[in-house]
Amino acid sequence: MAHRSARELALAALREWRTRENFADSILARLLESSDLTGADRAFTTELFYGILRHLSLVDFWIGSLRAGWLDDNSRDLLRLGLYQLFLLETPEHAAVNETVKLAGAKARPLVNGILRNAARGRAGLLEKASRQSLSIRSSHPQFLIDRWTQNFDAEKAEALCLWNNRPAPIYARINRLKISAEEFRVQHSDAEVLAQHENFARVKSVPIGSLADGRCYIQDPSTAAACLLLDPKPGEAVLDACAAPGGKTGYLAELMQNQGSLTACDRDESRLATLRHNLERLGVRIARFIRQDWTRDERLPDTGTVSAYDRILVDAPCSNTGVMRRRVDLRWRLNPREFSALREEQLRILRATIPLLKPGGVLVYSTCSIEPEENEDVANTIVREFPFLQLVAQVSSFPFREEFDGAFAAKFLRIT
């Protein structure tokens, strides 16, 4: 295994991401897995790669201020790496500049060295110049997202969302009470911060690897609990989780059911279904069956057909993920304005396919990790109009600027006939 430094690995990740063929988290995970970096260097690699993506427009603004002419992509990536260290990490100049220049090829080295030296000398002026730019540049968010959040919330909340998305995400663990009590978990992890409003969630300083590996916990934001608590599944019931992978909510449903009853867990992708199975087995879930199912293709669900079969159904639908942009650092650069309406249609197709499977008197919860009304309230209102036998009995929303957790939405429907 060839040794690569943290900066070298971050640069490799940045260059691969630039092709846009793979997501940032999968690129980084694969590169780290194949490296021999220690824990501290792995953390530094992550900080560099994710930090640059979070502040991409701002860093590129500084590059444009320092270099008016044409710049090749590889040199631009090197400058992104160096300027992020100089201006945002406040790395000492000798380390930020010298270590970055070492990564440049012989032809590009003088250019990269000169620009970074000029940046270090003009740091105060460049920072002041950036402070006068638009929110889109200062916060590195596409203008269309800022415009829609300003319209849906207001300018102050839109800016708060942008700032939230640029902070490193905290780590929360859901305590899996199928295997351990909350009290026992806290004894084993004395540094875990108990959440008063979510008694089975804890904020942890680092991933509790041992507890995660043996299923005593699952890494999960507290905002995800709302959908499961609204569904409120009971022991002995038949429950469908229509879009279950990777399994965080499914595992929580099994816990609420005390591992009694039946829990059908579906996903349309075979590899995601395998991940789902692995996660639930690790969590000690014994009541689940796993079915590959694409609800958008009018496929018949095995053993049920279209008859009412389930006491409770959770539809945690594919969505834009704008509520979890803090955790998905390159999401902002992949979204486009047309996706919201397309996702809404997909969400409605999934709901239309699953609603007939709900028993009279049964409960269906529709949820997303989006903060966009097209995917949330608008979908819920459309379902009420299309299915008069469904009654909308509750809606819950989480917004980062209000709850200081990930953004999420859940709507609870009761089938009255």
Protein backbone atom coordinates (compact mmCIF):
# COMPACT_ATOMS: atom_id res chain seq x y z
CA MET A 1 0.00 0.00 0.00
CA ALA A 2 1.59 3.27 -1.12
CA HIS A 3 1.61 5.92 1.60
CA ARG A 4 -0.25 9.13 0.86
CA SER A 5 -0.42 12.10 3.21
CA ALA A 6 -3.70 13.59 4.43
CA ARG A 7 -3.37 16.50 2.00
CA GLU A 8 -2.54 14.17 -0.87
CA LEU A 9 -5.56 12.03 -0.14
CA ALA A 10 -7.84 15.07 0.13
CA LEU A 11 -6.54 16.31 -3.21
CA ALA A 12 -7.20 12.93 -4.81
CA ALA A 13 -10.75 12.98 -3.43
CA LEU A 14 -11.31 16.49 -4.74
CA ARG A 15 -10.08 15.59 -8.21
CA GLU A 16 -12.28 12.50 -8.34
CA TRP A 17 -15.31 14.42 -7.09
CA ARG A 18 -14.83 17.00 -9.81
CA THR A 19 -16.01 14.40 -12.35
CA ARG A 20 -19.37 14.31 -10.46
CA GLU A 21 -19.67 10.57 -11.08
CA ASN A 22 -19.60 9.61 -7.39
CA PHE A 23 -20.86 11.20 -4.19
CA ALA A 24 -18.39 12.80 -1.82
CA ASP A 25 -19.02 10.41 1.06
CA SER A 26 -18.48 7.30 -1.06
CA ILE A 27 -15.28 8.75 -2.58
CA LEU A 28 -13.85 9.59 0.82
CA ALA A 29 -14.84 6.29 2.43
CA ARG A 30 -13.17 4.28 -0.33
CA LEU A 31 -9.97 6.34 -0.30
CA LEU A 32 -9.68 6.22 3.49
CA GLU A 33 -10.32 2.49 3.56
CA SER A 34 -7.43 1.89 1.15
CA SER A 35 -5.06 4.24 3.00
CA ASP A 36 -2.73 3.69 5.94
CA LEU A 37 -3.52 7.01 7.61
CA THR A 38 -3.86 7.18 11.39
CA GLY A 39 -6.95 8.53 13.13
CA ALA A 40 -5.74 12.14 13.33
CA ASP A 41 -4.67 12.20 9.69
CA ARG A 42 -7.93 10.60 8.59
CA ALA A 43 -9.80 13.36 10.41
CA PHE A 44 -7.61 15.99 8.72
CA THR A 45 -8.31 14.48 5.30
CA THR A 46 -12.04 14.60 6.01
CA GLU A 47 -11.83 18.20 7.22
CA LEU A 48 -9.95 19.30 4.10
CA PHE A 49 -12.16 17.53 1.56
CA TYR A 50 -15.52 18.28 3.16
CA GLY A 51 -14.46 21.80 4.15
CA ILE A 52 -13.52 22.71 0.60
CA LEU A 53 -16.84 21.41 -0.71
CA ARG A 54 -18.75 23.36 1.94
CA HIS A 55 -16.95 26.58 1.01
CA LEU A 56 -16.39 25.98 -2.70
CA SER A 57 -17.83 29.25 -4.06
CA LEU A 58 -15.98 31.30 -1.48
CA VAL A 59 -12.64 29.61 -2.17
CA ASP A 60 -13.17 29.95 -5.92
CA PHE A 61 -13.98 33.64 -5.41
CA TRP A 62 -10.57 34.09 -3.81
CA ILE A 63 -8.94 32.19 -6.66
CA GLY A 64 -10.66 34.50 -9.15
CA SER A 65 -9.43 37.52 -7.21
CA LEU A 66 -5.86 36.25 -7.34
CA ARG A 67 -5.77 34.86 -10.89
CA ALA A 68 -7.50 36.65 -13.74
CA GLY A 69 -6.29 34.35 -16.52
CA TRP A 70 -7.06 30.77 -17.48
CA LEU A 71 -6.35 28.10 -14.88
CA ASP A 72 -6.25 24.35 -15.44
CA ASP A 73 -8.43 22.13 -13.23
CA ASN A 74 -5.59 20.42 -11.39
CA SER A 75 -3.99 23.72 -10.42
CA ARG A 76 -7.36 25.04 -9.31
CA ASP A 77 -7.78 22.04 -6.99
CA LEU A 78 -4.34 22.67 -5.49
CA LEU A 79 -5.24 26.31 -4.88
CA ARG A 80 -8.53 25.27 -3.29
CA LEU A 81 -6.57 23.04 -0.93
CA GLY A 82 -4.06 25.75 -0.05
CA LEU A 83 -6.51 28.64 0.31
CA TYR A 84 -8.89 26.63 2.48
CA GLN A 85 -6.02 25.97 4.87
CA LEU A 86 -4.79 29.58 4.83
CA PHE A 87 -8.11 31.40 5.16
CA LEU A 88 -10.59 29.04 6.83
CA LEU A 89 -8.48 26.61 8.84
CA GLU A 90 -5.92 29.34 9.59
CA THR A 91 -3.10 26.85 9.11
CA PRO A 92 0.35 28.49 9.52
CA GLU A 93 1.60 29.80 6.17
CA HIS A 94 4.70 27.64 5.99
CA ALA A 95 2.63 24.46 6.37
CA ALA A 96 -0.32 25.47 4.20
CA VAL A 97 1.79 26.77 1.33
CA ASN A 98 4.83 24.49 1.42
CA GLU A 99 2.89 21.24 1.84
CA THR A 100 0.43 22.17 -0.90
CA VAL A 101 3.16 23.22 -3.35
CA LYS A 102 4.88 19.86 -2.80
CA LEU A 103 1.82 18.17 -4.34
CA ALA A 104 2.06 20.19 -7.56
CA GLY A 105 3.80 18.91 -10.65
CA ALA A 106 6.98 20.61 -11.78
CA LYS A 107 5.18 22.67 -14.44
CA ALA A 108 2.44 23.96 -12.10
CA ARG A 109 4.60 24.45 -9.02
CA PRO A 110 5.76 28.07 -9.69
CA LEU A 111 2.19 29.20 -10.45
CA VAL A 112 0.66 27.56 -7.37
CA ASN A 113 3.48 28.79 -5.13
CA GLY A 114 3.20 32.36 -6.40
CA ILE A 115 -0.58 32.57 -6.01
CA LEU A 116 -0.53 31.11 -2.50
CA ARG A 117 2.27 33.45 -1.41
CA ASN A 118 0.32 36.42 -2.75
CA ALA A 119 -2.78 35.16 -0.94
CA ALA A 120 -0.90 34.94 2.36
CA ARG A 121 0.40 38.49 1.97
CA GLY A 122 -3.00 39.87 1.00
CA ARG A 123 -5.03 37.77 3.43
CA ALA A 124 -6.71 40.65 5.31
CA GLY A 125 -7.80 42.41 2.13
CA LEU A 126 -9.13 39.22 0.55
CA LEU A 127 -11.13 38.35 3.66
CA GLU A 128 -12.61 41.84 3.77
CA LYS A 129 -13.45 41.72 0.07
CA ALA A 130 -15.23 38.38 0.54
CA SER A 131 -17.31 39.78 3.42
CA ARG A 132 -18.90 42.24 0.96
CA GLN A 133 -20.04 39.56 -1.48
CA SER A 134 -23.52 38.07 -1.84
CA LEU A 135 -24.73 35.35 0.52
CA SER A 136 -24.40 32.85 -2.33
CA ILE A 137 -20.63 33.44 -2.44
CA ARG A 138 -20.08 34.00 1.28
CA SER A 139 -21.93 30.81 2.22
CA SER A 140 -21.20 28.81 -0.95
CA HIS A 141 -24.82 27.94 -1.77
CA PRO A 142 -26.45 28.09 -5.22
CA GLN A 143 -28.52 31.22 -5.63
CA PHE A 144 -31.67 29.26 -6.50
CA LEU A 145 -31.62 27.60 -3.06
CA ILE A 146 -31.18 30.91 -1.28
CA ASP A 147 -34.04 32.41 -3.33
CA ARG A 148 -36.44 29.58 -2.53
CA TRP A 149 -35.57 29.55 1.18
CA THR A 150 -35.98 33.31 1.35
CA GLN A 151 -39.41 32.97 -0.24
CA ASN A 152 -40.48 29.97 1.88
CA PHE A 153 -39.13 31.28 5.20
CA ASP A 154 -37.45 34.70 5.13
CA ALA A 155 -34.03 36.19 4.45
CA GLU A 156 -32.81 35.78 8.03
CA LYS A 157 -33.79 32.10 8.16
CA ALA A 158 -32.32 31.47 4.71
CA GLU A 159 -28.98 32.81 5.92
CA ALA A 160 -29.27 30.75 9.11
CA LEU A 161 -29.80 27.62 6.99
CA CYS A 162 -26.72 28.38 4.92
CA LEU A 163 -24.59 28.90 8.03
CA TRP A 164 -25.97 25.70 9.57
CA ASN A 165 -25.11 23.69 6.47
CA ASN A 166 -21.50 24.85 6.63
CA ARG A 167 -20.85 23.61 10.15
CA PRO A 168 -19.52 20.08 10.76
CA ALA A 169 -22.42 17.83 11.73
CA PRO A 170 -22.56 16.52 15.30
CA ILE A 171 -22.80 12.79 15.91
CA TYR A 172 -25.95 11.40 17.49
CA ALA A 173 -26.50 7.81 18.54
CA ARG A 174 -29.92 6.24 18.91
CA ILE A 175 -29.69 3.80 21.79
CA ASN A 176 -31.08 0.45 20.63
CA ARG A 177 -33.23 -0.69 23.52
CA LEU A 178 -33.66 -4.13 21.96
CA LYS A 179 -30.13 -4.75 23.22
CA ILE A 180 -29.37 -2.25 25.97
CA SER A 181 -31.17 0.22 28.20
CA ALA A 182 -30.50 3.94 27.94
CA GLU A 183 -29.08 3.90 31.46
CA GLU A 184 -26.63 1.08 30.67
CA PHE A 185 -25.50 2.84 27.49
CA ARG A 186 -24.75 6.02 29.40
CA VAL A 187 -22.73 4.07 31.95
CA GLN A 188 -20.69 2.51 29.13
CA HIS A 189 -20.27 5.88 27.38
CA SER A 190 -19.78 8.42 30.15
CA ASP A 191 -18.96 11.17 27.64
CA ALA A 192 -22.35 10.81 25.90
CA GLU A 193 -24.55 13.89 26.25
CA VAL A 194 -28.11 12.94 27.16
CA LEU A 195 -30.83 14.72 25.16
CA ALA A 196 -33.63 15.74 27.49
CA GLN A 197 -36.26 15.82 24.73
CA HIS A 198 -35.12 12.52 23.19
CA GLU A 199 -34.35 10.10 26.01
CA ASN A 200 -33.06 7.33 23.74
CA PHE A 201 -30.71 9.58 21.76
CA ALA A 202 -27.29 10.78 22.88
CA ARG A 203 -24.78 13.18 21.40
CA VAL A 204 -21.34 11.59 21.28
CA LYS A 205 -17.91 13.07 20.60
CA SER A 206 -16.92 10.28 18.23
CA VAL A 207 -18.56 7.21 16.74
CA PRO A 208 -18.86 4.56 19.47
CA ILE A 209 -17.38 1.85 17.27
CA GLY A 210 -17.85 -1.07 19.64
CA SER A 211 -21.47 -0.28 20.46
CA LEU A 212 -22.21 0.40 16.79
CA ALA A 213 -20.65 -2.89 15.69
CA ASP A 214 -22.66 -5.04 18.07
CA GLY A 215 -25.93 -3.17 17.56
CA ARG A 216 -26.24 -1.38 20.87
CA CYS A 217 -26.71 1.89 18.97
CA TYR A 218 -27.31 3.30 15.50
CA ILE A 219 -25.93 6.61 14.23
CA GLN A 220 -29.06 8.67 13.63
CA ASP A 221 -30.21 12.28 14.03
CA PRO A 222 -33.00 12.84 16.59
CA SER A 223 -35.18 14.46 13.91
CA THR A 224 -35.75 10.99 12.45
CA ALA A 225 -37.65 9.91 15.55
CA ALA A 226 -40.75 11.96 14.73
CA ALA A 227 -41.94 9.73 11.89
CA CYS A 228 -41.57 6.57 13.99
CA LEU A 229 -43.30 8.07 17.02
CA LEU A 230 -46.16 9.35 14.85
CA LEU A 231 -46.62 5.88 13.38
CA ASP A 232 -46.61 4.45 16.93
CA PRO A 233 -46.50 0.75 15.98
CA LYS A 234 -47.68 -1.75 18.59
CA PRO A 235 -46.37 -5.22 19.45
CA GLY A 236 -48.10 -7.87 17.35
CA GLU A 237 -49.12 -5.57 14.50
CA ALA A 238 -48.37 -5.94 10.79
CA VAL A 239 -46.21 -3.01 9.72
CA LEU A 240 -44.83 -2.01 6.31
CA ASP A 241 -41.76 0.19 5.92
CA ALA A 242 -42.07 0.96 2.23
CA CYS A 243 -38.70 2.67 1.66
CA ALA A 244 -36.65 1.16 4.44
CA ALA A 245 -32.94 1.26 3.55
CA PRO A 246 -30.55 1.80 5.21
CA GLY A 247 -32.70 0.85 8.20
CA GLY A 248 -32.44 3.48 10.92
CA LYS A 249 -36.19 4.09 11.13
CA THR A 250 -36.94 0.39 10.52
CA GLY A 251 -34.82 -0.58 13.50
CA TYR A 252 -36.59 1.98 15.65
CA LEU A 253 -39.98 0.62 14.55
CA ALA A 254 -38.93 -2.89 15.60
CA GLU A 255 -37.85 -1.51 18.96
CA LEU A 256 -41.21 0.22 19.46
CA MET A 257 -42.89 -3.10 18.54
CA GLN A 258 -40.71 -4.89 21.13
CA ASN A 259 -39.69 -7.30 18.36
CA GLN A 260 -43.24 -8.71 18.24
CA GLY A 261 -45.43 -8.84 15.14
CA SER A 262 -44.36 -8.60 11.50
CA LEU A 263 -42.30 -5.89 9.85
CA THR A 264 -42.04 -5.85 6.05
CA ALA A 265 -39.03 -3.81 4.93
CA CYS A 266 -38.78 -2.84 1.26
CA ASP A 267 -36.31 -1.09 -0.99
CA ARG A 268 -35.98 -0.97 -4.77
CA ASP A 269 -32.20 -1.36 -4.91
CA GLU A 270 -30.62 -4.76 -4.28
CA SER A 271 -27.43 -3.38 -2.74
CA ARG A 272 -29.36 -1.08 -0.42
CA LEU A 273 -31.56 -4.01 0.55
CA ALA A 274 -28.43 -5.97 1.51
CA THR A 275 -27.29 -3.03 3.67
CA LEU A 276 -30.74 -2.90 5.25
CA ARG A 277 -30.65 -6.61 6.09
CA HIS A 278 -27.16 -6.33 7.58
CA ASN A 279 -28.09 -3.33 9.73
CA LEU A 280 -31.27 -4.88 11.08
CA GLU A 281 -29.57 -8.18 11.86
CA ARG A 282 -26.88 -6.26 13.75
CA LEU A 283 -29.58 -4.41 15.71
CA GLY A 284 -31.17 -7.70 16.73
CA VAL A 285 -34.39 -7.24 14.74
CA ARG A 286 -36.07 -10.66 14.44
CA ILE A 287 -39.46 -9.74 12.97
CA ALA A 288 -38.41 -8.30 9.61
CA ARG A 289 -38.79 -9.77 6.14
CA PHE A 290 -37.01 -8.10 3.26
CA ILE A 291 -38.54 -7.49 -0.18
CA ARG A 292 -37.08 -5.79 -3.21
CA GLN A 293 -39.86 -3.50 -4.36
CA ASP A 294 -40.12 -0.53 -6.72
CA TRP A 295 -43.41 1.20 -5.89
CA THR A 296 -43.17 3.46 -8.94
CA ARG A 297 -43.49 0.54 -11.38
CA ASP A 298 -46.88 -0.79 -10.24
CA GLU A 299 -45.26 -4.00 -9.06
CA ARG A 300 -47.36 -6.30 -6.92
CA LEU A 301 -46.08 -6.73 -3.39
CA PRO A 302 -45.60 -10.48 -2.77
CA ASP A 303 -48.22 -12.20 -0.59
CA THR A 304 -50.48 -9.16 -0.35
CA GLY A 305 -51.58 -8.05 -3.79
CA THR A 306 -53.69 -4.93 -3.42
CA VAL A 307 -55.82 -5.99 -0.42
CA SER A 308 -55.65 -4.19 2.90
CA ALA A 309 -52.88 -6.00 4.75
CA TYR A 310 -51.11 -3.67 7.15
CA ASP A 311 -52.04 -2.00 10.41
CA ARG A 312 -49.43 0.69 9.90
CA ILE A 313 -47.36 1.89 6.96
CA LEU A 314 -44.34 4.16 6.92
CA VAL A 315 -43.46 5.85 3.62
CA ASP A 316 -40.11 7.54 4.23
CA ALA A 317 -39.90 8.69 0.65
CA PRO A 318 -36.93 9.58 -1.56
CA CYS A 319 -36.54 13.34 -1.40
CA SER A 320 -34.25 16.28 -2.08
CA ASN A 321 -32.56 15.85 1.35
CA THR A 322 -32.36 19.60 1.88
CA GLY A 323 -32.94 19.06 5.59
CA VAL A 324 -29.72 17.07 5.90
CA MET A 325 -27.49 19.19 3.66
CA ARG A 326 -25.15 19.69 6.60
CA ARG A 327 -24.35 15.97 6.46
CA ARG A 328 -24.33 15.62 2.66
CA VAL A 329 -21.73 18.19 1.86
CA ASP A 330 -21.86 18.03 -1.94
CA LEU A 331 -25.65 17.88 -2.20
CA ARG A 332 -25.97 21.62 -2.84
CA TRP A 333 -23.85 21.26 -5.99
CA ARG A 334 -25.93 18.35 -7.32
CA LEU A 335 -29.45 19.73 -6.90
CA ASN A 336 -31.20 21.68 -9.63
CA PRO A 337 -34.49 23.63 -9.52
CA ARG A 338 -36.35 21.06 -11.63
CA GLU A 339 -35.82 18.23 -9.17
CA PHE A 340 -38.35 19.35 -6.59
CA SER A 341 -41.39 18.88 -8.82
CA ALA A 342 -40.02 15.60 -10.17
CA LEU A 343 -39.47 14.29 -6.66
CA ARG A 344 -43.00 15.33 -5.69
CA GLU A 345 -44.42 13.19 -8.47
CA GLU A 346 -42.31 10.22 -7.41
CA GLN A 347 -43.43 10.63 -3.79
CA LEU A 348 -47.07 10.69 -4.85
CA ARG A 349 -46.60 7.54 -6.98
CA ILE A 350 -45.20 5.68 -3.99
CA LEU A 351 -48.05 6.81 -1.75
CA ARG A 352 -50.68 5.88 -4.33
CA ALA A 353 -49.19 2.40 -4.52
CA THR A 354 -48.99 1.82 -0.77
CA ILE A 355 -52.24 3.38 0.49
CA PRO A 356 -54.43 0.47 -0.75
CA LEU A 357 -52.41 -1.85 1.50
CA LEU A 358 -53.56 -0.04 4.65
CA LYS A 359 -56.31 -1.63 6.75
CA PRO A 360 -59.41 0.36 7.72
CA GLY A 361 -58.56 2.04 11.00
CA GLY A 362 -54.88 1.80 10.11
CA VAL A 363 -52.25 4.55 10.23
CA LEU A 364 -49.94 5.72 7.45
CA VAL A 365 -47.07 8.15 8.04
CA TYR A 366 -45.43 9.97 5.15
CA SER A 367 -42.02 11.44 5.93
CA THR A 368 -39.05 13.13 4.27
CA CYS A 369 -35.77 14.74 5.29
CA SER A 370 -36.65 17.73 3.11
CA ILE A 371 -37.63 21.24 4.18
CA GLU A 372 -39.36 22.03 0.86
CA PRO A 373 -43.17 22.53 0.90
CA GLU A 374 -43.59 20.84 -2.51
CA GLU A 375 -42.34 17.60 -1.01
CA ASN A 376 -44.04 17.97 2.36
CA GLU A 377 -47.27 19.88 2.99
CA ASP A 378 -48.21 19.95 -0.69
CA VAL A 379 -47.92 16.16 -0.95
CA ALA A 380 -49.93 15.66 2.23
CA ASN A 381 -52.71 17.95 0.99
CA THR A 382 -52.80 16.21 -2.39
CA ILE A 383 -53.22 12.82 -0.71
CA VAL A 384 -56.15 14.07 1.35
CA ARG A 385 -57.86 15.33 -1.80
CA GLU A 386 -57.25 12.11 -3.74
CA PHE A 387 -58.12 9.68 -0.93
CA PRO A 388 -61.19 10.93 0.97
CA PHE A 389 -61.07 7.87 3.26
CA LEU A 390 -57.79 9.18 4.68
CA GLN A 391 -57.85 11.76 7.44
CA LEU A 392 -54.78 13.93 8.07
CA VAL A 393 -54.50 13.90 11.85
CA ALA A 394 -51.03 15.34 12.53
CA GLN A 395 -48.04 17.04 10.92
CA VAL A 396 -44.60 17.53 12.41
CA SER A 397 -41.75 19.61 10.96
CA SER A 398 -38.18 20.11 12.10
CA PHE A 399 -36.09 23.04 10.88
CA PRO A 400 -32.39 23.48 11.66
CA PHE A 401 -32.85 27.19 12.40
CA ARG A 402 -35.56 26.35 14.96
CA GLU A 403 -34.91 22.95 16.55
CA GLU A 404 -31.16 22.84 15.83
CA PHE A 405 -31.47 19.30 14.51
CA ASP A 406 -31.67 18.08 10.92
CA GLY A 407 -34.65 19.20 8.88
CA ALA A 408 -37.49 16.68 8.60
CA PHE A 409 -41.21 16.37 7.95
CA ALA A 410 -43.84 13.77 8.87
CA ALA A 411 -47.58 13.61 8.24
CA LYS A 412 -49.89 11.08 9.91
CA PHE A 413 -52.99 9.78 8.11
CA LEU A 414 -55.79 7.63 9.57
CA ARG A 415 -57.84 5.39 7.27
CA ILE A 416 -61.41 5.93 8.45
CA THR A 417 -63.14 3.40 6.13
